[in-house]
Amino acid sequence: MAKASGMICLRVPHDTIEGRRVQKVWTVASTTNTILELGDRLVCQGVERVVIEATGSYWRPFFYLLEARGLDCWLVNARDVKNVPGRPKTDKLDAVWLARLAEHGMNRASFVPRSR
């Protein structure tokens, strides 16, 4: 995630092909209203868990605001998900990679203290 925005990857079941996924990737501004709108969109899509990469402190608004919308938020350590030799590094590819790892249950959530 960058300071002004976050890259989002949503993977949902294909409408007609069994076992296939449809993937949408887009950027969301790091503003409260935009993140809350994202939370509403994810809930409407049937999303239950959101995986967020821990980068600096930029993850905080996404984590706490999406959690407040009722989503199960997991913060993952960047070093745990990026140790793949030869994989190109872009925010878009990182978002897709995190979504795919989440689908296969290959992420490990970090402890995040409750907000006050």
PDB file of N, CA and C in Angstrom:
ATOM      1  N   MET A   1       0.828  -1.173   0.000  1.00  0.00           N
ATOM      2  CA  MET A   1       0.000   0.000   0.000  1.00  0.00           C
ATOM      3  C   MET A   1       0.876   1.241   0.000  1.00  0.00           C
ATOM      4  N   ALA A   2       0.452   2.195  -0.707  1.00  0.00           N
ATOM      5  CA  ALA A   2       1.140   3.473  -0.725  1.00  0.00           C
ATOM      6  C   ALA A   2       0.443   4.405   0.261  1.00  0.00           C
ATOM      7  N   LYS A   3       1.074   5.527   0.516  1.00  0.00           N
ATOM      8  CA  LYS A   3       0.504   6.449   1.490  1.00  0.00           C
ATOM      9  C   LYS A   3      -0.877   6.961   1.082  1.00  0.00           C
ATOM     10  N   ALA A   4      -1.078   7.267  -0.203  1.00  0.00           N
ATOM     11  CA  ALA A   4      -2.325   7.875  -0.657  1.00  0.00           C
ATOM     12  C   ALA A   4      -3.362   6.862  -1.122  1.00  0.00           C
ATOM     13  N   SER A   5      -2.968   5.600  -1.281  1.00  0.00           N
ATOM     14  CA  SER A   5      -3.918   4.617  -1.828  1.00  0.00           C
ATOM     15  C   SER A   5      -3.498   3.196  -1.476  1.00  0.00           C
ATOM     16  N   GLY A   6      -4.418   2.282  -1.730  1.00  0.00           N
ATOM     17  CA  GLY A   6      -4.148   0.855  -1.552  1.00  0.00           C
ATOM     18  C   GLY A   6      -4.604   0.104  -2.792  1.00  0.00           C
ATOM     19  N   MET A   7      -3.880  -0.946  -3.150  1.00  0.00           N
ATOM     20  CA  MET A   7      -4.247  -1.773  -4.292  1.00  0.00           C
ATOM     21  C   MET A   7      -5.113  -2.918  -3.787  1.00  0.00           C
ATOM     22  N   ILE A   8      -6.265  -3.111  -4.422  1.00  0.00           N
ATOM     23  CA  ILE A   8      -7.247  -4.096  -3.993  1.00  0.00           C
ATOM     24  C   ILE A   8      -7.363  -5.189  -5.050  1.00  0.00           C
ATOM     25  N   CYS A   9      -7.416  -6.433  -4.627  1.00  0.00           N
ATOM     26  CA  CYS A   9      -7.689  -7.549  -5.529  1.00  0.00           C
ATOM     27  C   CYS A   9      -8.870  -8.326  -4.961  1.00  0.00           C
ATOM     28  N   LEU A  10      -9.925  -8.418  -5.737  1.00  0.00           N
ATOM     29  CA  LEU A  10     -11.122  -9.167  -5.353  1.00  0.00           C
ATOM     30  C   LEU A  10     -11.224 -10.376  -6.266  1.00  0.00           C
ATOM     31  N   ARG A  11     -11.253 -11.564  -5.677  1.00  0.00           N
ATOM     32  CA  ARG A  11     -11.399 -12.804  -6.451  1.00  0.00           C
ATOM     33  C   ARG A  11     -12.676 -13.482  -5.984  1.00  0.00           C
ATOM     34  N   VAL A  12     -13.597 -13.656  -6.923  1.00  0.00           N
ATOM     35  CA  VAL A  12     -14.896 -14.261  -6.615  1.00  0.00           C
ATOM     36  C   VAL A  12     -15.162 -15.392  -7.602  1.00  0.00           C
ATOM     37  N   PRO A  13     -16.066 -16.314  -7.249  1.00  0.00           N
ATOM     38  CA  PRO A  13     -16.385 -17.413  -8.169  1.00  0.00           C
ATOM     39  C   PRO A  13     -16.959 -16.890  -9.493  1.00  0.00           C
ATOM     40  N   HIS A  14     -16.592 -17.565 -10.565  1.00  0.00           N
ATOM     41  CA  HIS A  14     -17.116 -17.245 -11.895  1.00  0.00           C
ATOM     42  C   HIS A  14     -18.609 -17.557 -11.927  1.00  0.00           C
ATOM     43  N   ASP A  15     -19.371 -16.747 -12.656  1.00  0.00           N
ATOM     44  CA  ASP A  15     -20.828 -16.930 -12.721  1.00  0.00           C
ATOM     45  C   ASP A  15     -21.242 -18.248 -13.354  1.00  0.00           C
ATOM     46  N   THR A  16     -20.510 -18.713 -14.360  1.00  0.00           N
ATOM     47  CA  THR A  16     -20.970 -19.884 -15.114  1.00  0.00           C
ATOM     48  C   THR A  16     -20.001 -21.056 -15.144  1.00  0.00           C
ATOM     49  N   ILE A  17     -18.722 -20.819 -14.876  1.00  0.00           N
ATOM     50  CA  ILE A  17     -17.739 -21.900 -14.966  1.00  0.00           C
ATOM     51  C   ILE A  17     -17.356 -22.373 -13.569  1.00  0.00           C
ATOM     52  N   GLU A  18     -17.735 -23.583 -13.252  1.00  0.00           N
ATOM     53  CA  GLU A  18     -17.458 -24.182 -11.938  1.00  0.00           C
ATOM     54  C   GLU A  18     -15.953 -24.242 -11.682  1.00  0.00           C
ATOM     55  N   GLY A  19     -15.536 -23.813 -10.494  1.00  0.00           N
ATOM     56  CA  GLY A  19     -14.137 -23.886 -10.097  1.00  0.00           C
ATOM     57  C   GLY A  19     -13.269 -22.736 -10.600  1.00  0.00           C
ATOM     58  N   ARG A  20     -13.810 -21.868 -11.429  1.00  0.00           N
ATOM     59  CA  ARG A  20     -13.052 -20.725 -11.948  1.00  0.00           C
ATOM     60  C   ARG A  20     -13.307 -19.494 -11.075  1.00  0.00           C
ATOM     61  N   ARG A  21     -12.364 -18.568 -11.110  1.00  0.00           N
ATOM     62  CA  ARG A  21     -12.469 -17.325 -10.353  1.00  0.00           C
ATOM     63  C   ARG A  21     -12.421 -16.138 -11.309  1.00  0.00           C
ATOM     64  N   VAL A  22     -13.105 -15.083 -10.940  1.00  0.00           N
ATOM     65  CA  VAL A  22     -13.028 -13.812 -11.644  1.00  0.00           C
ATOM     66  C   VAL A  22     -12.237 -12.876 -10.737  1.00  0.00           C
ATOM     67  N   GLN A  23     -11.307 -12.183 -11.334  1.00  0.00           N
ATOM     68  CA  GLN A  23     -10.415 -11.325 -10.558  1.00  0.00           C
ATOM     69  C   GLN A  23     -10.560  -9.883 -11.010  1.00  0.00           C
ATOM     70  N   LYS A  24     -10.714  -8.987 -10.041  1.00  0.00           N
ATOM     71  CA  LYS A  24     -10.768  -7.552 -10.317  1.00  0.00           C
ATOM     72  C   LYS A  24      -9.719  -6.885  -9.444  1.00  0.00           C
ATOM     73  N   VAL A  25      -8.928  -6.013 -10.044  1.00  0.00           N
ATOM     74  CA  VAL A  25      -7.878  -5.301  -9.311  1.00  0.00           C
ATOM     75  C   VAL A  25      -8.060  -3.809  -9.566  1.00  0.00           C
ATOM     76  N   TRP A  26      -8.051  -3.022  -8.482  1.00  0.00           N
ATOM     77  CA  TRP A  26      -8.191  -1.586  -8.618  1.00  0.00           C
ATOM     78  C   TRP A  26      -7.537  -0.890  -7.428  1.00  0.00           C
ATOM     79  N   THR A  27      -7.398   0.414  -7.562  1.00  0.00           N
ATOM     80  CA  THR A  27      -6.784   1.240  -6.520  1.00  0.00           C
ATOM     81  C   THR A  27      -7.871   1.985  -5.759  1.00  0.00           C
ATOM     82  N   VAL A  28      -7.695   2.055  -4.436  1.00  0.00           N
ATOM     83  CA  VAL A  28      -8.634   2.772  -3.571  1.00  0.00           C
ATOM     84  C   VAL A  28      -7.850   3.824  -2.795  1.00  0.00           C
ATOM     85  N   ALA A  29      -8.363   5.033  -2.794  1.00  0.00           N
ATOM     86  CA  ALA A  29      -7.736   6.114  -2.030  1.00  0.00           C
ATOM     87  C   ALA A  29      -7.770   5.790  -0.538  1.00  0.00           C
ATOM     88  N   SER A  30      -6.777   6.269   0.189  1.00  0.00           N
ATOM     89  CA  SER A  30      -6.674   6.002   1.633  1.00  0.00           C
ATOM     90  C   SER A  30      -7.442   7.029   2.450  1.00  0.00           C
ATOM     91  N   THR A  31      -8.664   7.316   2.047  1.00  0.00           N
ATOM     92  CA  THR A  31      -9.499   8.240   2.814  1.00  0.00           C
ATOM     93  C   THR A  31     -10.558   7.427   3.560  1.00  0.00           C
ATOM     94  N   THR A  32     -11.019   7.959   4.652  1.00  0.00           N
ATOM     95  CA  THR A  32     -12.000   7.240   5.467  1.00  0.00           C
ATOM     96  C   THR A  32     -13.234   6.859   4.662  1.00  0.00           C
ATOM     97  N   ASN A  33     -13.830   7.807   3.963  1.00  0.00           N
ATOM     98  CA  ASN A  33     -15.057   7.523   3.218  1.00  0.00           C
ATOM     99  C   ASN A  33     -14.841   6.479   2.125  1.00  0.00           C
ATOM    100  N   THR A  34     -13.730   6.570   1.428  1.00  0.00           N
ATOM    101  CA  THR A  34     -13.451   5.609   0.357  1.00  0.00           C
ATOM    102  C   THR A  34     -13.234   4.208   0.906  1.00  0.00           C
ATOM    103  N   ILE A  35     -12.539   4.110   2.024  1.00  0.00           N
ATOM    104  CA  ILE A  35     -12.305   2.790   2.633  1.00  0.00           C
ATOM    105  C   ILE A  35     -13.623   2.208   3.156  1.00  0.00           C
ATOM    106  N   LEU A  36     -14.479   3.042   3.740  1.00  0.00           N
ATOM    107  CA  LEU A  36     -15.777   2.558   4.202  1.00  0.00           C
ATOM    108  C   LEU A  36     -16.643   2.094   3.028  1.00  0.00           C
ATOM    109  N   GLU A  37     -16.582   2.811   1.898  1.00  0.00           N
ATOM    110  CA  GLU A  37     -17.290   2.385   0.688  1.00  0.00           C
ATOM    111  C   GLU A  37     -16.745   1.052   0.186  1.00  0.00           C
ATOM    112  N   LEU A  38     -15.432   0.885   0.252  1.00  0.00           N
ATOM    113  CA  LEU A  38     -14.816  -0.390  -0.113  1.00  0.00           C
ATOM    114  C   LEU A  38     -15.361  -1.499   0.773  1.00  0.00           C
ATOM    115  N   GLY A  39     -15.440  -1.242   2.076  1.00  0.00           N
ATOM    116  CA  GLY A  39     -15.976  -2.232   2.998  1.00  0.00           C
ATOM    117  C   GLY A  39     -17.394  -2.630   2.637  1.00  0.00           C
ATOM    118  N   ASP A  40     -18.228  -1.665   2.307  1.00  0.00           N
ATOM    119  CA  ASP A  40     -19.604  -1.963   1.888  1.00  0.00           C
ATOM    120  C   ASP A  40     -19.620  -2.820   0.627  1.00  0.00           C
ATOM    121  N   ARG A  41     -18.759  -2.474  -0.327  1.00  0.00           N
ATOM    122  CA  ARG A  41     -18.691  -3.240  -1.584  1.00  0.00           C
ATOM    123  C   ARG A  41     -18.260  -4.680  -1.326  1.00  0.00           C
ATOM    124  N   LEU A  42     -17.253  -4.848  -0.476  1.00  0.00           N
ATOM    125  CA  LEU A  42     -16.768  -6.199  -0.182  1.00  0.00           C
ATOM    126  C   LEU A  42     -17.840  -7.028   0.522  1.00  0.00           C
ATOM    127  N   VAL A  43     -18.535  -6.428   1.475  1.00  0.00           N
ATOM    128  CA  VAL A  43     -19.611  -7.130   2.185  1.00  0.00           C
ATOM    129  C   VAL A  43     -20.701  -7.534   1.199  1.00  0.00           C
ATOM    130  N   CYS A  44     -21.068  -6.626   0.290  1.00  0.00           N
ATOM    131  CA  CYS A  44     -22.096  -6.938  -0.716  1.00  0.00           C
ATOM    132  C   CYS A  44     -21.655  -8.061  -1.652  1.00  0.00           C
ATOM    133  N   GLN A  45     -20.360  -8.213  -1.862  1.00  0.00           N
ATOM    134  CA  GLN A  45     -19.832  -9.272  -2.720  1.00  0.00           C
ATOM    135  C   GLN A  45     -19.711 -10.603  -1.965  1.00  0.00           C
ATOM    136  N   GLY A  46     -19.989 -10.592  -0.678  1.00  0.00           N
ATOM    137  CA  GLY A  46     -19.908 -11.815   0.108  1.00  0.00           C
ATOM    138  C   GLY A  46     -18.525 -12.098   0.665  1.00  0.00           C
ATOM    139  N   VAL A  47     -17.654 -11.108   0.617  1.00  0.00           N
ATOM    140  CA  VAL A  47     -16.303 -11.276   1.154  1.00  0.00           C
ATOM    141  C   VAL A  47     -16.387 -11.339   2.672  1.00  0.00           C
ATOM    142  N   GLU A  48     -15.649 -12.260   3.257  1.00  0.00           N
ATOM    143  CA  GLU A  48     -15.614 -12.392   4.710  1.00  0.00           C
ATOM    144  C   GLU A  48     -14.257 -12.003   5.288  1.00  0.00           C
ATOM    145  N   ARG A  49     -13.182 -12.312   4.564  1.00  0.00           N
ATOM    146  CA  ARG A  49     -11.831 -12.047   5.076  1.00  0.00           C
ATOM    147  C   ARG A  49     -11.083 -11.130   4.118  1.00  0.00           C
ATOM    148  N   VAL A  50     -10.373 -10.188   4.703  1.00  0.00           N
ATOM    149  CA  VAL A  50      -9.516  -9.279   3.961  1.00  0.00           C
ATOM    150  C   VAL A  50      -8.093  -9.493   4.451  1.00  0.00           C
ATOM    151  N   VAL A  51      -7.162  -9.669   3.522  1.00  0.00           N
ATOM    152  CA  VAL A  51      -5.757  -9.836   3.870  1.00  0.00           C
ATOM    153  C   VAL A  51      -5.026  -8.561   3.474  1.00  0.00           C
ATOM    154  N   ILE A  52      -4.313  -7.988   4.435  1.00  0.00           N
ATOM    155  CA  ILE A  52      -3.626  -6.714   4.230  1.00  0.00           C
ATOM    156  C   ILE A  52      -2.151  -6.913   4.541  1.00  0.00           C
ATOM    157  N   GLU A  53      -1.306  -6.433   3.635  1.00  0.00           N
ATOM    158  CA  GLU A  53       0.134  -6.526   3.847  1.00  0.00           C
ATOM    159  C   GLU A  53       0.587  -5.410   4.780  1.00  0.00           C
ATOM    160  N   ALA A  54       1.394  -5.760   5.761  1.00  0.00           N
ATOM    161  CA  ALA A  54       1.910  -4.781   6.712  1.00  0.00           C
ATOM    162  C   ALA A  54       3.051  -4.010   6.061  1.00  0.00           C
ATOM    163  N   THR A  55       2.788  -2.767   5.715  1.00  0.00           N
ATOM    164  CA  THR A  55       3.819  -1.891   5.151  1.00  0.00           C
ATOM    165  C   THR A  55       3.786  -0.579   5.914  1.00  0.00           C
ATOM    166  N   GLY A  56       4.838  -0.340   6.669  1.00  0.00           N
ATOM    167  CA  GLY A  56       4.881   0.865   7.488  1.00  0.00           C
ATOM    168  C   GLY A  56       3.664   0.935   8.383  1.00  0.00           C
ATOM    169  N   SER A  57       3.034   2.087   8.430  1.00  0.00           N
ATOM    170  CA  SER A  57       1.783   2.226   9.186  1.00  0.00           C
ATOM    171  C   SER A  57       0.609   2.463   8.245  1.00  0.00           C
ATOM    172  N   TYR A  58       0.835   2.326   6.939  1.00  0.00           N
ATOM    173  CA  TYR A  58      -0.202   2.605   5.946  1.00  0.00           C
ATOM    174  C   TYR A  58      -1.356   1.609   5.979  1.00  0.00           C
ATOM    175  N   TRP A  59      -1.162   0.468   6.581  1.00  0.00           N
ATOM    176  CA  TRP A  59      -2.208  -0.556   6.653  1.00  0.00           C
ATOM    177  C   TRP A  59      -3.291  -0.186   7.659  1.00  0.00           C
ATOM    178  N   ARG A  60      -2.979   0.630   8.632  1.00  0.00           N
ATOM    179  CA  ARG A  60      -3.878   0.889   9.760  1.00  0.00           C
ATOM    180  C   ARG A  60      -5.284   1.355   9.377  1.00  0.00           C
ATOM    181  N   PRO A  61      -5.453   2.392   8.544  1.00  0.00           N
ATOM    182  CA  PRO A  61      -6.826   2.806   8.243  1.00  0.00           C
ATOM    183  C   PRO A  61      -7.616   1.709   7.533  1.00  0.00           C
ATOM    184  N   PHE A  62      -6.964   0.990   6.621  1.00  0.00           N
ATOM    185  CA  PHE A  62      -7.665  -0.094   5.929  1.00  0.00           C
ATOM    186  C   PHE A  62      -8.077  -1.174   6.919  1.00  0.00           C
ATOM    187  N   PHE A  63      -7.162  -1.568   7.768  1.00  0.00           N
ATOM    188  CA  PHE A  63      -7.441  -2.645   8.724  1.00  0.00           C
ATOM    189  C   PHE A  63      -8.590  -2.276   9.653  1.00  0.00           C
ATOM    190  N   TYR A  64      -8.473  -1.151  10.333  1.00  0.00           N
ATOM    191  CA  TYR A  64      -9.455  -0.807  11.361  1.00  0.00           C
ATOM    192  C   TYR A  64     -10.816  -0.414  10.776  1.00  0.00           C
ATOM    193  N   LEU A  65     -10.831   0.280   9.645  1.00  0.00           N
ATOM    194  CA  LEU A  65     -12.117   0.663   9.053  1.00  0.00           C
ATOM    195  C   LEU A  65     -12.840  -0.531   8.433  1.00  0.00           C
ATOM    196  N   LEU A  66     -12.099  -1.428   7.784  1.00  0.00           N
ATOM    197  CA  LEU A  66     -12.744  -2.617   7.211  1.00  0.00           C
ATOM    198  C   LEU A  66     -13.205  -3.562   8.314  1.00  0.00           C
ATOM    199  N   GLU A  67     -12.428  -3.641   9.384  1.00  0.00           N
ATOM    200  CA  GLU A  67     -12.834  -4.451  10.531  1.00  0.00           C
ATOM    201  C   GLU A  67     -14.126  -3.892  11.137  1.00  0.00           C
ATOM    202  N   ALA A  68     -14.228  -2.568  11.184  1.00  0.00           N
ATOM    203  CA  ALA A  68     -15.435  -1.930  11.720  1.00  0.00           C
ATOM    204  C   ALA A  68     -16.664  -2.224  10.853  1.00  0.00           C
ATOM    205  N   ARG A  69     -16.453  -2.549   9.590  1.00  0.00           N
ATOM    206  CA  ARG A  69     -17.543  -2.915   8.680  1.00  0.00           C
ATOM    207  C   ARG A  69     -17.924  -4.390   8.826  1.00  0.00           C
ATOM    208  N   GLY A  70     -17.262  -5.098   9.753  1.00  0.00           N
ATOM    209  CA  GLY A  70     -17.611  -6.488  10.005  1.00  0.00           C
ATOM    210  C   GLY A  70     -16.781  -7.512   9.254  1.00  0.00           C
ATOM    211  N   LEU A  71     -15.737  -7.063   8.566  1.00  0.00           N
ATOM    212  CA  LEU A  71     -14.875  -7.992   7.837  1.00  0.00           C
ATOM    213  C   LEU A  71     -13.793  -8.545   8.759  1.00  0.00           C
ATOM    214  N   ASP A  72     -13.420  -9.785   8.530  1.00  0.00           N
ATOM    215  CA  ASP A  72     -12.345 -10.437   9.269  1.00  0.00           C
ATOM    216  C   ASP A  72     -11.039 -10.014   8.608  1.00  0.00           C
ATOM    217  N   CYS A  73     -10.299  -9.107   9.239  1.00  0.00           N
ATOM    218  CA  CYS A  73      -9.074  -8.565   8.653  1.00  0.00           C
ATOM    219  C   CYS A  73      -7.855  -9.290   9.192  1.00  0.00           C
ATOM    220  N   TRP A  74      -6.999  -9.701   8.271  1.00  0.00           N
ATOM    221  CA  TRP A  74      -5.730 -10.332   8.627  1.00  0.00           C
ATOM    222  C   TRP A  74      -4.604  -9.440   8.150  1.00  0.00           C
ATOM    223  N   LEU A  75      -3.702  -9.109   9.041  1.00  0.00           N
ATOM    224  CA  LEU A  75      -2.495  -8.387   8.692  1.00  0.00           C
ATOM    225  C   LEU A  75      -1.395  -9.419   8.514  1.00  0.00           C
ATOM    226  N   VAL A  76      -0.733  -9.399   7.359  1.00  0.00           N
ATOM    227  CA  VAL A  76       0.332 -10.367   7.112  1.00  0.00           C
ATOM    228  C   VAL A  76       1.655  -9.645   6.950  1.00  0.00           C
ATOM    229  N   ASN A  77       2.701 -10.285   7.421  1.00  0.00           N
ATOM    230  CA  ASN A  77       4.042  -9.734   7.350  1.00  0.00           C
ATOM    231  C   ASN A  77       4.548  -9.838   5.917  1.00  0.00           C
ATOM    232  N   ALA A  78       5.060  -8.749   5.383  1.00  0.00           N
ATOM    233  CA  ALA A  78       5.530  -8.715   4.000  1.00  0.00           C
ATOM    234  C   ALA A  78       6.601  -9.772   3.741  1.00  0.00           C
ATOM    235  N   ARG A  79       7.485 -10.023   4.682  1.00  0.00           N
ATOM    236  CA  ARG A  79       8.556 -10.991   4.435  1.00  0.00           C
ATOM    237  C   ARG A  79       8.011 -12.422   4.338  1.00  0.00           C
ATOM    238  N   ASP A  80       6.858 -12.693   4.954  1.00  0.00           N
ATOM    239  CA  ASP A  80       6.272 -14.031   4.871  1.00  0.00           C
ATOM    240  C   ASP A  80       5.631 -14.317   3.524  1.00  0.00           C
ATOM    241  N   VAL A  81       5.211 -13.289   2.820  1.00  0.00           N
ATOM    242  CA  VAL A  81       4.506 -13.517   1.556  1.00  0.00           C
ATOM    243  C   VAL A  81       5.320 -13.141   0.326  1.00  0.00           C
ATOM    244  N   LYS A  82       6.469 -12.545   0.507  1.00  0.00           N
ATOM    245  CA  LYS A  82       7.251 -12.103  -0.649  1.00  0.00           C
ATOM    246  C   LYS A  82       8.476 -12.953  -0.934  1.00  0.00           C
ATOM    247  N   ASN A  83       8.733 -13.969  -0.146  1.00  0.00           N
ATOM    248  CA  ASN A  83       9.915 -14.780  -0.352  1.00  0.00           C
ATOM    249  C   ASN A  83       9.733 -15.767  -1.498  1.00  0.00           C
ATOM    250  N   VAL A  84       9.505 -15.235  -2.688  1.00  0.00           N
ATOM    251  CA  VAL A  84       9.346 -16.061  -3.875  1.00  0.00           C
ATOM    252  C   VAL A  84      10.357 -15.563  -4.899  1.00  0.00           C
ATOM    253  N   PRO A  85      11.465 -16.295  -5.063  1.00  0.00           N
ATOM    254  CA  PRO A  85      12.504 -15.841  -5.991  1.00  0.00           C
ATOM    255  C   PRO A  85      11.972 -15.694  -7.416  1.00  0.00           C
ATOM    256  N   GLY A  86      12.387 -14.637  -8.075  1.00  0.00           N
ATOM    257  CA  GLY A  86      12.041 -14.442  -9.470  1.00  0.00           C
ATOM    258  C   GLY A  86      10.678 -13.838  -9.721  1.00  0.00           C
ATOM    259  N   ARG A  87       9.898 -13.621  -8.672  1.00  0.00           N
ATOM    260  CA  ARG A  87       8.565 -13.034  -8.861  1.00  0.00           C
ATOM    261  C   ARG A  87       8.715 -11.519  -8.966  1.00  0.00           C
ATOM    262  N   PRO A  88       8.163 -10.922 -10.071  1.00  0.00           N
ATOM    263  CA  PRO A  88       8.265  -9.467 -10.205  1.00  0.00           C
ATOM    264  C   PRO A  88       7.524  -8.741  -9.085  1.00  0.00           C
ATOM    265  N   LYS A  89       7.969  -7.531  -8.771  1.00  0.00           N
ATOM    266  CA  LYS A  89       7.407  -6.766  -7.651  1.00  0.00           C
ATOM    267  C   LYS A  89       6.675  -5.539  -8.161  1.00  0.00           C
ATOM    268  N   THR A  90       5.335  -5.575  -8.090  1.00  0.00           N
ATOM    269  CA  THR A  90       4.510  -4.381  -8.308  1.00  0.00           C
ATOM    270  C   THR A  90       3.376  -4.450  -7.301  1.00  0.00           C
ATOM    271  N   ASP A  91       2.747  -3.332  -7.011  1.00  0.00           N
ATOM    272  CA  ASP A  91       1.625  -3.330  -6.071  1.00  0.00           C
ATOM    273  C   ASP A  91       0.486  -4.210  -6.582  1.00  0.00           C
ATOM    274  N   LYS A  92       0.223  -4.152  -7.885  1.00  0.00           N
ATOM    275  CA  LYS A  92      -0.853  -4.959  -8.466  1.00  0.00           C
ATOM    276  C   LYS A  92      -0.563  -6.454  -8.315  1.00  0.00           C
ATOM    277  N   LEU A  93       0.651  -6.864  -8.667  1.00  0.00           N
ATOM    278  CA  LEU A  93       1.009  -8.282  -8.536  1.00  0.00           C
ATOM    279  C   LEU A  93       0.994  -8.724  -7.080  1.00  0.00           C
ATOM    280  N   ASP A  94       1.415  -7.845  -6.169  1.00  0.00           N
ATOM    281  CA  ASP A  94       1.370  -8.169  -4.739  1.00  0.00           C
ATOM    282  C   ASP A  94      -0.062  -8.396  -4.269  1.00  0.00           C
ATOM    283  N   ALA A  95      -0.988  -7.542  -4.722  1.00  0.00           N
ATOM    284  CA  ALA A  95      -2.395  -7.680  -4.327  1.00  0.00           C
ATOM    285  C   ALA A  95      -2.960  -9.007  -4.822  1.00  0.00           C
ATOM    286  N   VAL A  96      -2.661  -9.352  -6.067  1.00  0.00           N
ATOM    287  CA  VAL A  96      -3.137 -10.619  -6.634  1.00  0.00           C
ATOM    288  C   VAL A  96      -2.522 -11.791  -5.880  1.00  0.00           C
ATOM    289  N   TRP A  97      -1.228 -11.714  -5.588  1.00  0.00           N
ATOM    290  CA  TRP A  97      -0.528 -12.788  -4.875  1.00  0.00           C
ATOM    291  C   TRP A  97      -1.142 -13.005  -3.487  1.00  0.00           C
ATOM    292  N   LEU A  98      -1.403 -11.922  -2.750  1.00  0.00           N
ATOM    293  CA  LEU A  98      -2.010 -12.042  -1.422  1.00  0.00           C
ATOM    294  C   LEU A  98      -3.396 -12.679  -1.509  1.00  0.00           C
ATOM    295  N   ALA A  99      -4.177 -12.286  -2.515  1.00  0.00           N
ATOM    296  CA  ALA A  99      -5.520 -12.854  -2.685  1.00  0.00           C
ATOM    297  C   ALA A  99      -5.451 -14.348  -2.975  1.00  0.00           C
ATOM    298  N   ARG A 100      -4.505 -14.740  -3.804  1.00  0.00           N
ATOM    299  CA  ARG A 100      -4.373 -16.167  -4.138  1.00  0.00           C
ATOM    300  C   ARG A 100      -3.898 -16.973  -2.933  1.00  0.00           C
ATOM    301  N   LEU A 101      -2.956 -16.428  -2.178  1.00  0.00           N
ATOM    302  CA  LEU A 101      -2.501 -17.117  -0.960  1.00  0.00           C
ATOM    303  C   LEU A 101      -3.656 -17.275   0.023  1.00  0.00           C
ATOM    304  N   ALA A 102      -4.481 -16.244   0.149  1.00  0.00           N
ATOM    305  CA  ALA A 102      -5.631 -16.292   1.061  1.00  0.00           C
ATOM    306  C   ALA A 102      -6.613 -17.379   0.635  1.00  0.00           C
ATOM    307  N   GLU A 103      -6.850 -17.508  -0.661  1.00  0.00           N
ATOM    308  CA  GLU A 103      -7.768 -18.540  -1.160  1.00  0.00           C
ATOM    309  C   GLU A 103      -7.323 -19.939  -0.771  1.00  0.00           C
ATOM    310  N   HIS A 104      -6.016 -20.126  -0.724  1.00  0.00           N
ATOM    311  CA  HIS A 104      -5.472 -21.448  -0.420  1.00  0.00           C
ATOM    312  C   HIS A 104      -5.104 -21.613   1.052  1.00  0.00           C
ATOM    313  N   GLY A 105      -5.458 -20.636   1.872  1.00  0.00           N
ATOM    314  CA  GLY A 105      -5.177 -20.734   3.301  1.00  0.00           C
ATOM    315  C   GLY A 105      -3.700 -20.702   3.637  1.00  0.00           C
ATOM    316  N   MET A 106      -2.925 -19.977   2.853  1.00  0.00           N
ATOM    317  CA  MET A 106      -1.473 -19.977   3.032  1.00  0.00           C
ATOM    318  C   MET A 106      -0.940 -18.705   3.692  1.00  0.00           C
ATOM    319  N   ASN A 107      -1.824 -17.905   4.262  1.00  0.00           N
ATOM    320  CA  ASN A 107      -1.401 -16.707   4.981  1.00  0.00           C
ATOM    321  C   ASN A 107      -1.422 -16.972   6.479  1.00  0.00           C
ATOM    322  N   ARG A 108      -0.563 -16.274   7.183  1.00  0.00           N
ATOM    323  CA  ARG A 108      -0.561 -16.346   8.643  1.00  0.00           C
ATOM    324  C   ARG A 108      -0.764 -14.936   9.173  1.00  0.00           C
ATOM    325  N   ALA A 109      -1.814 -14.762   9.942  1.00  0.00           N
ATOM    326  CA  ALA A 109      -2.142 -13.425  10.449  1.00  0.00           C
ATOM    327  C   ALA A 109      -1.204 -13.026  11.580  1.00  0.00           C
ATOM    328  N   SER A 110      -0.831 -11.770  11.590  1.00  0.00           N
ATOM    329  CA  SER A 110      -0.046 -11.194  12.681  1.00  0.00           C
ATOM    330  C   SER A 110      -0.996 -10.712  13.767  1.00  0.00           C
ATOM    331  N   PHE A 111      -0.485 -10.627  14.971  1.00  0.00           N
ATOM    332  CA  PHE A 111      -1.283 -10.079  16.070  1.00  0.00           C
ATOM    333  C   PHE A 111      -1.447  -8.578  15.877  1.00  0.00           C
ATOM    334  N   VAL A 112      -2.656  -8.098  15.984  1.00  0.00           N
ATOM    335  CA  VAL A 112      -2.936  -6.662  15.903  1.00  0.00           C
ATOM    336  C   VAL A 112      -3.739  -6.288  17.139  1.00  0.00           C
ATOM    337  N   PRO A 113      -3.206  -5.399  17.978  1.00  0.00           N
ATOM    338  CA  PRO A 113      -3.965  -4.978  19.163  1.00  0.00           C
ATOM    339  C   PRO A 113      -5.229  -4.227  18.755  1.00  0.00           C
ATOM    340  N   ARG A 114      -6.252  -4.313  19.555  1.00  0.00           N
ATOM    341  CA  ARG A 114      -7.507  -3.605  19.302  1.00  0.00           C
ATOM    342  C   ARG A 114      -7.261  -2.109  19.330  1.00  0.00           C
ATOM    343  N   SER A 115      -7.991  -1.407  18.455  1.00  0.00           N
ATOM    344  CA  SER A 115      -7.878   0.064  18.466  1.00  0.00           C
ATOM    345  C   SER A 115      -8.632   0.594  19.678  1.00  0.00           C
ATOM    346  N   ARG A 116      -8.263   1.752  20.113  1.00  0.00           N
ATOM    347  CA  ARG A 116      -8.885   2.348  21.299  1.00  0.00           C
ATOM    348  C   ARG A 116      -9.947   3.305  20.932  1.00  0.00           C
TER     349      ARG A 116
END
